[in-house]
């Protein structure tokens, strides 16, 4: 999972690097050729896009650095953590819900994905099968019993 995420982020870095070094300079040069830069919307748009791409590249590089520092052998095999699929049962209603614990700065969340920094993520982090997680909400405290757990070590790539 971590290697697949690194590859995906690396591909985005390559695309943005190409845009920053090739595409945007061409757009800026064409806009400059049009004349007066004070009222040139193409020039302003290209500069704004350039700033956005630079900021996004900074975020991606920081995230790749964090990913490189993760040691999968330090992630427990019997407790919920990064990359875990956790099925819980609400102790009051008996309803089952499935959550996938992901990084906090993920851009593309799929259904069921929660960050480890979110309230539900913090409640589930470190829980094992049979444990009850207490999710404190403004009006109630939900009790969620972990009924199934698949950690990073045994989750299929297609699940995430």
N, C-alpha and C. Protein backbone atom coordinates (compact mmCIF):
# COMPACT_ATOMS: atom_id res chain seq x y z
N UNK A 1 0.82 -1.19 0.00
CA UNK A 1 0.00 0.00 0.00
C UNK A 1 0.86 1.25 0.00
N UNK A 2 1.88 1.28 0.83
CA UNK A 2 2.73 2.47 0.93
C UNK A 2 3.49 2.67 -0.38
N UNK A 3 3.99 1.59 -0.96
CA UNK A 3 4.73 1.70 -2.22
C UNK A 3 3.82 2.17 -3.35
N UNK A 4 2.58 1.68 -3.38
CA UNK A 4 1.63 2.11 -4.41
C UNK A 4 1.32 3.59 -4.27
N UNK A 5 1.18 4.05 -3.03
CA UNK A 5 0.91 5.47 -2.79
C UNK A 5 2.11 6.31 -3.19
N UNK A 6 3.31 5.84 -2.89
CA UNK A 6 4.53 6.56 -3.30
C UNK A 6 4.58 6.69 -4.82
N UNK A 7 4.25 5.61 -5.52
CA UNK A 7 4.28 5.62 -6.98
C UNK A 7 3.26 6.61 -7.53
N UNK A 8 2.07 6.60 -6.99
CA UNK A 8 1.01 7.51 -7.44
C UNK A 8 1.43 8.96 -7.23
N UNK A 9 1.98 9.27 -6.06
CA UNK A 9 2.43 10.63 -5.78
C UNK A 9 3.60 11.01 -6.67
N UNK A 10 4.51 10.07 -6.91
CA UNK A 10 5.65 10.32 -7.79
C UNK A 10 5.21 10.67 -9.20
N UNK A 11 4.18 9.99 -9.70
CA UNK A 11 3.65 10.28 -11.04
C UNK A 11 3.06 11.68 -11.09
N UNK A 12 2.35 12.07 -10.03
CA UNK A 12 1.79 13.42 -10.00
C UNK A 12 2.90 14.47 -9.94
N UNK A 13 3.96 14.19 -9.19
CA UNK A 13 5.10 15.10 -9.13
C UNK A 13 5.70 15.29 -10.52
N UNK A 14 5.86 14.20 -11.26
CA UNK A 14 6.43 14.28 -12.61
C UNK A 14 5.57 15.15 -13.53
N UNK A 15 4.25 14.95 -13.50
CA UNK A 15 3.34 15.74 -14.33
C UNK A 15 3.42 17.22 -13.99
N UNK A 16 3.40 17.51 -12.69
CA UNK A 16 3.44 18.91 -12.26
C UNK A 16 4.80 19.54 -12.57
N UNK A 17 5.86 18.77 -12.45
CA UNK A 17 7.20 19.28 -12.76
C UNK A 17 7.28 19.64 -14.24
N UNK A 18 6.71 18.81 -15.11
CA UNK A 18 6.69 19.09 -16.54
C UNK A 18 5.89 20.36 -16.81
N UNK A 19 4.73 20.47 -16.17
CA UNK A 19 3.89 21.65 -16.35
C UNK A 19 4.64 22.91 -15.90
N UNK A 20 5.32 22.82 -14.77
CA UNK A 20 6.04 23.97 -14.21
C UNK A 20 7.22 24.38 -15.09
N UNK A 21 7.93 23.40 -15.64
CA UNK A 21 9.15 23.69 -16.39
C UNK A 21 8.95 23.87 -17.90
N UNK A 22 7.85 23.35 -18.45
CA UNK A 22 7.66 23.41 -19.90
C UNK A 22 6.38 24.16 -20.28
N UNK A 23 5.25 23.67 -19.82
CA UNK A 23 3.97 24.22 -20.24
C UNK A 23 3.77 25.67 -19.79
N UNK A 24 3.93 25.92 -18.51
CA UNK A 24 3.66 27.27 -17.99
C UNK A 24 4.63 28.32 -18.53
N UNK A 25 5.93 28.06 -18.66
CA UNK A 25 6.79 29.07 -19.27
C UNK A 25 6.36 29.43 -20.70
N UNK A 26 5.90 28.44 -21.45
CA UNK A 26 5.40 28.73 -22.81
C UNK A 26 4.17 29.61 -22.76
N UNK A 27 3.25 29.33 -21.83
CA UNK A 27 2.05 30.15 -21.70
C UNK A 27 2.40 31.57 -21.28
N UNK A 28 3.33 31.69 -20.36
CA UNK A 28 3.74 33.02 -19.90
C UNK A 28 4.41 33.79 -21.04
N UNK A 29 5.26 33.12 -21.81
CA UNK A 29 5.92 33.78 -22.94
C UNK A 29 4.90 34.26 -23.97
N UNK A 30 3.90 33.43 -24.28
CA UNK A 30 2.85 33.83 -25.23
C UNK A 30 2.06 35.02 -24.70
N UNK A 31 1.77 35.02 -23.40
CA UNK A 31 1.01 36.12 -22.80
C UNK A 31 1.81 37.41 -22.83
N UNK A 32 3.12 37.32 -22.62
CA UNK A 32 3.98 38.51 -22.65
C UNK A 32 3.99 39.09 -24.06
N UNK A 33 3.96 38.24 -25.06
CA UNK A 33 3.96 38.70 -26.45
C UNK A 33 2.69 39.45 -26.81
N UNK A 34 1.62 39.24 -26.06
CA UNK A 34 0.36 39.93 -26.33
C UNK A 34 0.40 41.40 -25.92
N UNK A 35 1.38 41.79 -25.13
CA UNK A 35 1.52 43.21 -24.80
C UNK A 35 1.30 43.52 -23.34
N UNK A 36 0.59 44.59 -23.06
CA UNK A 36 0.40 45.18 -21.73
C UNK A 36 0.05 44.13 -20.68
N UNK A 37 0.97 43.92 -19.72
CA UNK A 37 0.80 42.86 -18.73
C UNK A 37 -0.16 43.24 -17.61
N UNK A 38 -0.42 44.55 -17.44
CA UNK A 38 -1.31 44.97 -16.35
C UNK A 38 -2.74 44.49 -16.56
N UNK A 39 -3.17 44.38 -17.81
CA UNK A 39 -4.54 43.97 -18.09
C UNK A 39 -4.58 42.68 -18.90
N UNK A 40 -3.58 41.85 -18.75
CA UNK A 40 -3.46 40.63 -19.53
C UNK A 40 -3.92 39.45 -18.67
N UNK A 41 -5.15 38.98 -18.89
CA UNK A 41 -5.71 37.90 -18.07
C UNK A 41 -4.98 36.57 -18.27
N UNK A 42 -4.48 36.32 -19.49
CA UNK A 42 -3.75 35.08 -19.74
C UNK A 42 -2.47 35.03 -18.91
N UNK A 43 -1.80 36.18 -18.82
CA UNK A 43 -0.57 36.27 -18.05
C UNK A 43 -0.86 36.05 -16.56
N UNK A 44 -1.88 36.70 -16.06
CA UNK A 44 -2.24 36.56 -14.65
C UNK A 44 -2.65 35.12 -14.33
N UNK A 45 -3.42 34.51 -15.21
CA UNK A 45 -3.85 33.13 -15.00
C UNK A 45 -2.66 32.17 -14.99
N UNK A 46 -1.71 32.39 -15.89
CA UNK A 46 -0.53 31.52 -15.94
C UNK A 46 0.32 31.68 -14.68
N UNK A 47 0.47 32.91 -14.19
CA UNK A 47 1.23 33.13 -12.96
C UNK A 47 0.54 32.50 -11.75
N UNK A 48 -0.80 32.61 -11.69
CA UNK A 48 -1.54 31.98 -10.58
C UNK A 48 -1.40 30.47 -10.64
N UNK A 49 -1.49 29.90 -11.82
CA UNK A 49 -1.33 28.45 -11.98
C UNK A 49 0.08 28.03 -11.57
N UNK A 50 1.06 28.85 -11.93
CA UNK A 50 2.45 28.55 -11.56
C UNK A 50 2.61 28.51 -10.04
N UNK A 51 2.01 29.47 -9.35
CA UNK A 51 2.07 29.49 -7.89
C UNK A 51 1.38 28.27 -7.29
N UNK A 52 0.23 27.89 -7.85
CA UNK A 52 -0.50 26.72 -7.37
C UNK A 52 0.35 25.46 -7.55
N UNK A 53 0.94 25.30 -8.74
CA UNK A 53 1.74 24.11 -9.03
C UNK A 53 2.94 24.03 -8.09
N UNK A 54 3.60 25.16 -7.84
CA UNK A 54 4.73 25.17 -6.92
C UNK A 54 4.30 24.75 -5.51
N UNK A 55 3.16 25.26 -5.05
CA UNK A 55 2.66 24.90 -3.72
C UNK A 55 2.31 23.42 -3.65
N UNK A 56 1.66 22.91 -4.68
CA UNK A 56 1.26 21.50 -4.71
C UNK A 56 2.50 20.60 -4.74
N UNK A 57 3.52 20.99 -5.49
CA UNK A 57 4.76 20.21 -5.51
C UNK A 57 5.39 20.16 -4.13
N UNK A 58 5.35 21.27 -3.41
CA UNK A 58 5.87 21.29 -2.05
C UNK A 58 5.13 20.32 -1.15
N UNK A 59 3.79 20.30 -1.26
CA UNK A 59 2.97 19.38 -0.46
C UNK A 59 3.30 17.93 -0.79
N UNK A 60 3.39 17.63 -2.09
CA UNK A 60 3.66 16.26 -2.52
C UNK A 60 5.02 15.78 -2.04
N UNK A 61 6.02 16.64 -2.14
CA UNK A 61 7.36 16.26 -1.70
C UNK A 61 7.40 16.02 -0.19
N UNK A 62 6.67 16.85 0.55
CA UNK A 62 6.60 16.66 2.01
C UNK A 62 5.91 15.33 2.33
N UNK A 63 4.86 15.03 1.61
CA UNK A 63 4.14 13.77 1.84
C UNK A 63 5.00 12.56 1.48
N UNK A 64 5.72 12.66 0.38
CA UNK A 64 6.62 11.57 -0.01
C UNK A 64 7.71 11.37 1.04
N UNK A 65 8.17 12.46 1.61
CA UNK A 65 9.18 12.36 2.67
C UNK A 65 8.61 11.64 3.89
N UNK A 66 7.38 11.96 4.25
CA UNK A 66 6.73 11.28 5.38
C UNK A 66 6.54 9.80 5.08
N UNK A 67 6.13 9.49 3.86
CA UNK A 67 5.93 8.09 3.48
C UNK A 67 7.23 7.31 3.55
N UNK A 68 8.32 7.94 3.17
CA UNK A 68 9.62 7.26 3.19
C UNK A 68 10.08 6.95 4.60
N UNK A 69 9.59 7.73 5.56
CA UNK A 69 10.02 7.52 6.94
C UNK A 69 9.19 6.47 7.67
N UNK A 70 8.13 5.97 7.04
CA UNK A 70 7.28 4.96 7.67
C UNK A 70 7.93 3.60 7.56
N UNK A 71 8.03 2.91 8.67
CA UNK A 71 8.57 1.56 8.70
C UNK A 71 7.41 0.58 8.89
N UNK A 72 7.00 -0.12 7.83
CA UNK A 72 5.86 -1.04 7.93
C UNK A 72 6.01 -2.10 9.02
N UNK A 73 7.24 -2.44 9.37
CA UNK A 73 7.44 -3.46 10.40
C UNK A 73 7.04 -2.93 11.78
N UNK A 74 6.93 -1.61 11.93
CA UNK A 74 6.54 -1.02 13.20
C UNK A 74 5.01 -0.91 13.35
N UNK A 75 4.29 -1.19 12.27
CA UNK A 75 2.83 -1.14 12.32
C UNK A 75 2.33 -2.47 12.87
N UNK A 76 1.57 -2.44 13.98
CA UNK A 76 1.11 -3.70 14.58
C UNK A 76 0.20 -4.50 13.65
N UNK A 77 0.26 -5.81 13.82
CA UNK A 77 -0.56 -6.70 12.99
C UNK A 77 -1.93 -6.98 13.60
N UNK A 78 -2.13 -6.64 14.87
CA UNK A 78 -3.38 -6.99 15.55
C UNK A 78 -4.14 -5.77 16.08
N UNK A 79 -3.70 -4.58 15.71
CA UNK A 79 -4.35 -3.34 16.16
C UNK A 79 -4.59 -2.44 14.95
N UNK A 80 -5.63 -1.62 15.02
CA UNK A 80 -5.95 -0.71 13.93
C UNK A 80 -4.89 0.37 13.83
N UNK A 81 -4.45 0.64 12.61
CA UNK A 81 -3.46 1.67 12.34
C UNK A 81 -3.55 2.06 10.88
N UNK A 82 -2.53 2.76 10.39
CA UNK A 82 -2.49 3.19 9.00
C UNK A 82 -2.77 2.02 8.06
N UNK A 83 -3.72 2.22 7.14
CA UNK A 83 -4.02 1.20 6.15
C UNK A 83 -4.97 0.11 6.61
N UNK A 84 -5.47 0.20 7.83
CA UNK A 84 -6.36 -0.85 8.35
C UNK A 84 -7.78 -0.70 7.82
N UNK A 85 -8.40 -1.84 7.62
CA UNK A 85 -9.84 -1.90 7.33
C UNK A 85 -10.49 -2.38 8.62
N UNK A 86 -11.39 -1.56 9.17
CA UNK A 86 -11.99 -1.86 10.46
C UNK A 86 -13.51 -1.93 10.30
N UNK A 87 -14.09 -3.07 10.67
CA UNK A 87 -15.54 -3.22 10.68
C UNK A 87 -15.98 -3.13 12.13
N UNK A 88 -16.90 -2.19 12.39
CA UNK A 88 -17.38 -1.98 13.76
C UNK A 88 -18.89 -2.20 13.81
N UNK A 89 -19.35 -2.51 15.02
CA UNK A 89 -20.79 -2.66 15.25
C UNK A 89 -21.19 -1.68 16.35
N UNK A 90 -22.16 -0.84 16.03
CA UNK A 90 -22.66 0.12 17.02
C UNK A 90 -23.37 -0.67 18.11
N UNK A 91 -22.94 -0.52 19.35
CA UNK A 91 -23.48 -1.30 20.47
C UNK A 91 -24.94 -0.95 20.77
N UNK A 92 -25.38 0.24 20.36
CA UNK A 92 -26.77 0.65 20.63
C UNK A 92 -27.72 0.18 19.53
N UNK A 93 -27.32 0.34 18.27
CA UNK A 93 -28.22 0.03 17.16
C UNK A 93 -27.93 -1.33 16.51
N UNK A 94 -26.75 -1.87 16.73
CA UNK A 94 -26.38 -3.14 16.10
C UNK A 94 -25.96 -2.98 14.64
N UNK A 95 -25.92 -1.75 14.15
CA UNK A 95 -25.56 -1.48 12.76
C UNK A 95 -24.04 -1.62 12.57
N UNK A 96 -23.66 -2.24 11.46
CA UNK A 96 -22.23 -2.42 11.15
C UNK A 96 -21.78 -1.35 10.15
N UNK A 97 -20.56 -0.88 10.37
CA UNK A 97 -19.97 0.13 9.50
C UNK A 97 -18.53 -0.29 9.23
N UNK A 98 -18.04 0.04 8.03
CA UNK A 98 -16.67 -0.29 7.66
C UNK A 98 -15.89 1.00 7.43
N UNK A 99 -14.69 1.07 8.01
CA UNK A 99 -13.84 2.23 7.87
C UNK A 99 -12.45 1.79 7.42
N UNK A 100 -11.81 2.65 6.64
CA UNK A 100 -10.42 2.45 6.21
C UNK A 100 -9.63 3.63 6.75
N UNK A 101 -8.58 3.35 7.52
CA UNK A 101 -7.77 4.42 8.10
C UNK A 101 -6.70 4.85 7.10
N UNK A 102 -6.71 6.15 6.76
CA UNK A 102 -5.79 6.70 5.76
C UNK A 102 -5.07 7.92 6.32
N UNK A 103 -4.12 8.44 5.55
CA UNK A 103 -3.40 9.66 5.93
C UNK A 103 -4.35 10.84 6.02
N UNK A 104 -3.98 11.80 6.82
CA UNK A 104 -4.81 12.98 7.01
C UNK A 104 -4.83 13.95 5.85
N UNK A 105 -3.83 13.91 4.99
CA UNK A 105 -3.80 14.87 3.89
C UNK A 105 -4.17 14.25 2.55
N UNK A 106 -4.85 13.11 2.59
CA UNK A 106 -5.26 12.48 1.35
C UNK A 106 -6.22 13.39 0.61
N UNK A 107 -6.07 13.45 -0.70
CA UNK A 107 -6.91 14.34 -1.50
C UNK A 107 -8.15 13.65 -2.03
N UNK A 108 -8.05 12.38 -2.29
CA UNK A 108 -9.15 11.65 -2.90
C UNK A 108 -9.67 10.61 -1.91
N UNK A 109 -10.68 11.00 -1.16
CA UNK A 109 -11.27 10.06 -0.21
C UNK A 109 -12.33 9.25 -0.90
N UNK A 110 -12.32 7.96 -0.64
CA UNK A 110 -13.38 7.10 -1.14
C UNK A 110 -14.33 6.84 0.02
N UNK A 111 -15.47 6.27 -0.28
CA UNK A 111 -16.46 6.00 0.77
C UNK A 111 -15.87 5.10 1.84
N UNK A 112 -16.03 5.50 3.08
CA UNK A 112 -15.54 4.71 4.20
C UNK A 112 -14.14 5.10 4.65
N UNK A 113 -13.45 5.91 3.87
CA UNK A 113 -12.11 6.33 4.26
C UNK A 113 -12.20 7.43 5.32
N UNK A 114 -11.45 7.26 6.39
CA UNK A 114 -11.37 8.28 7.44
C UNK A 114 -9.90 8.49 7.76
N UNK A 115 -9.58 9.72 8.11
CA UNK A 115 -8.19 10.00 8.46
C UNK A 115 -7.94 9.55 9.89
N UNK A 116 -6.69 9.27 10.18
CA UNK A 116 -6.33 8.84 11.53
C UNK A 116 -6.46 9.99 12.52
N UNK A 117 -6.52 11.23 12.01
CA UNK A 117 -6.63 12.40 12.89
C UNK A 117 -8.09 12.79 13.13
N UNK A 118 -9.02 12.20 12.40
CA UNK A 118 -10.43 12.53 12.59
C UNK A 118 -10.93 11.90 13.90
N UNK A 119 -12.06 12.37 14.41
CA UNK A 119 -12.58 11.78 15.66
C UNK A 119 -12.78 10.27 15.58
N UNK A 120 -13.35 9.77 14.48
CA UNK A 120 -13.56 8.33 14.36
C UNK A 120 -12.21 7.62 14.20
N UNK A 121 -11.29 8.22 13.47
CA UNK A 121 -9.96 7.63 13.30
C UNK A 121 -9.21 7.53 14.62
N UNK A 122 -9.28 8.59 15.43
CA UNK A 122 -8.61 8.57 16.74
C UNK A 122 -9.24 7.53 17.65
N UNK A 123 -10.58 7.38 17.57
CA UNK A 123 -11.25 6.39 18.42
C UNK A 123 -10.86 4.96 18.03
N UNK A 124 -10.67 4.71 16.73
CA UNK A 124 -10.35 3.36 16.27
C UNK A 124 -8.88 3.01 16.36
N UNK A 125 -8.02 4.00 16.32
CA UNK A 125 -6.57 3.78 16.33
C UNK A 125 -6.14 2.97 17.55
N UNK A 126 -5.44 1.88 17.31
CA UNK A 126 -4.93 1.05 18.39
C UNK A 126 -5.92 0.03 18.93
N UNK A 127 -7.11 -0.03 18.36
CA UNK A 127 -8.12 -0.99 18.82
C UNK A 127 -7.92 -2.33 18.11
N UNK A 128 -8.24 -3.40 18.80
CA UNK A 128 -8.17 -4.75 18.24
C UNK A 128 -9.55 -5.37 18.18
N UNK A 129 -9.66 -6.54 17.59
CA UNK A 129 -10.94 -7.24 17.50
C UNK A 129 -11.47 -7.50 18.91
N UNK A 130 -12.74 -7.16 19.12
CA UNK A 130 -13.37 -7.33 20.43
C UNK A 130 -13.31 -6.09 21.30
N UNK A 131 -12.42 -5.15 20.97
CA UNK A 131 -12.33 -3.90 21.74
C UNK A 131 -13.51 -3.00 21.41
N UNK A 132 -13.87 -2.15 22.35
CA UNK A 132 -14.93 -1.17 22.14
C UNK A 132 -14.30 0.22 22.09
N UNK A 133 -14.53 0.91 20.98
CA UNK A 133 -14.04 2.27 20.80
C UNK A 133 -15.15 3.23 21.19
N UNK A 134 -14.80 4.28 21.91
CA UNK A 134 -15.78 5.27 22.33
C UNK A 134 -15.59 6.52 21.48
N UNK A 135 -16.62 6.82 20.68
CA UNK A 135 -16.60 7.98 19.79
C UNK A 135 -17.45 9.07 20.41
N UNK A 136 -16.78 10.12 20.88
CA UNK A 136 -17.48 11.22 21.54
C UNK A 136 -17.97 12.21 20.50
N UNK A 137 -19.28 12.35 20.41
CA UNK A 137 -19.92 13.29 19.52
C UNK A 137 -20.57 14.39 20.38
N UNK A 138 -20.94 15.51 19.78
CA UNK A 138 -21.51 16.59 20.60
C UNK A 138 -22.72 16.18 21.44
N UNK A 139 -23.58 15.32 20.91
CA UNK A 139 -24.79 14.99 21.65
C UNK A 139 -24.75 13.62 22.35
N UNK A 140 -23.91 12.71 21.86
CA UNK A 140 -23.86 11.36 22.44
C UNK A 140 -22.44 10.81 22.40
N UNK A 141 -22.27 9.69 23.05
CA UNK A 141 -21.02 8.93 22.95
C UNK A 141 -21.40 7.59 22.33
N UNK A 142 -20.88 7.35 21.12
CA UNK A 142 -21.16 6.08 20.45
C UNK A 142 -20.15 5.04 20.92
N UNK A 143 -20.64 3.82 21.14
CA UNK A 143 -19.77 2.70 21.49
C UNK A 143 -19.71 1.78 20.28
N UNK A 144 -18.51 1.67 19.71
CA UNK A 144 -18.32 0.88 18.50
C UNK A 144 -17.41 -0.30 18.80
N UNK A 145 -17.97 -1.50 18.69
CA UNK A 145 -17.19 -2.72 18.95
C UNK A 145 -16.52 -3.16 17.65
N UNK A 146 -15.22 -3.39 17.71
CA UNK A 146 -14.47 -3.85 16.54
C UNK A 146 -14.78 -5.33 16.34
N UNK A 147 -15.42 -5.67 15.21
CA UNK A 147 -15.79 -7.05 14.94
C UNK A 147 -14.90 -7.70 13.88
N UNK A 148 -14.22 -6.87 13.09
CA UNK A 148 -13.31 -7.40 12.07
C UNK A 148 -12.20 -6.38 11.85
N UNK A 149 -10.99 -6.89 11.68
CA UNK A 149 -9.84 -6.01 11.49
C UNK A 149 -8.89 -6.62 10.48
N UNK A 150 -8.54 -5.85 9.47
CA UNK A 150 -7.51 -6.24 8.52
C UNK A 150 -6.50 -5.12 8.49
N UNK A 151 -5.27 -5.42 8.86
CA UNK A 151 -4.24 -4.38 8.95
C UNK A 151 -3.57 -4.18 7.59
N UNK A 152 -2.67 -3.23 7.55
CA UNK A 152 -1.88 -2.93 6.36
C UNK A 152 -1.19 -4.18 5.83
N UNK A 153 -0.85 -5.07 6.70
CA UNK A 153 -0.10 -6.28 6.33
C UNK A 153 -0.96 -7.28 5.55
N UNK A 154 -2.28 -7.22 5.73
CA UNK A 154 -3.12 -8.20 5.02
C UNK A 154 -4.28 -7.60 4.25
N UNK A 155 -4.31 -6.28 4.07
CA UNK A 155 -5.33 -5.63 3.26
C UNK A 155 -4.93 -5.71 1.81
N UNK A 156 -5.88 -6.04 0.94
CA UNK A 156 -5.60 -6.09 -0.50
C UNK A 156 -5.48 -4.67 -1.02
N UNK A 157 -4.63 -4.47 -2.05
CA UNK A 157 -4.47 -3.15 -2.67
C UNK A 157 -5.81 -2.64 -3.20
N UNK A 158 -6.66 -3.52 -3.69
CA UNK A 158 -7.95 -3.11 -4.24
C UNK A 158 -8.91 -2.59 -3.19
N UNK A 159 -8.69 -2.93 -1.92
CA UNK A 159 -9.56 -2.48 -0.86
C UNK A 159 -9.37 -1.00 -0.56
N UNK A 160 -8.18 -0.49 -0.87
CA UNK A 160 -7.87 0.89 -0.49
C UNK A 160 -8.02 1.86 -1.62
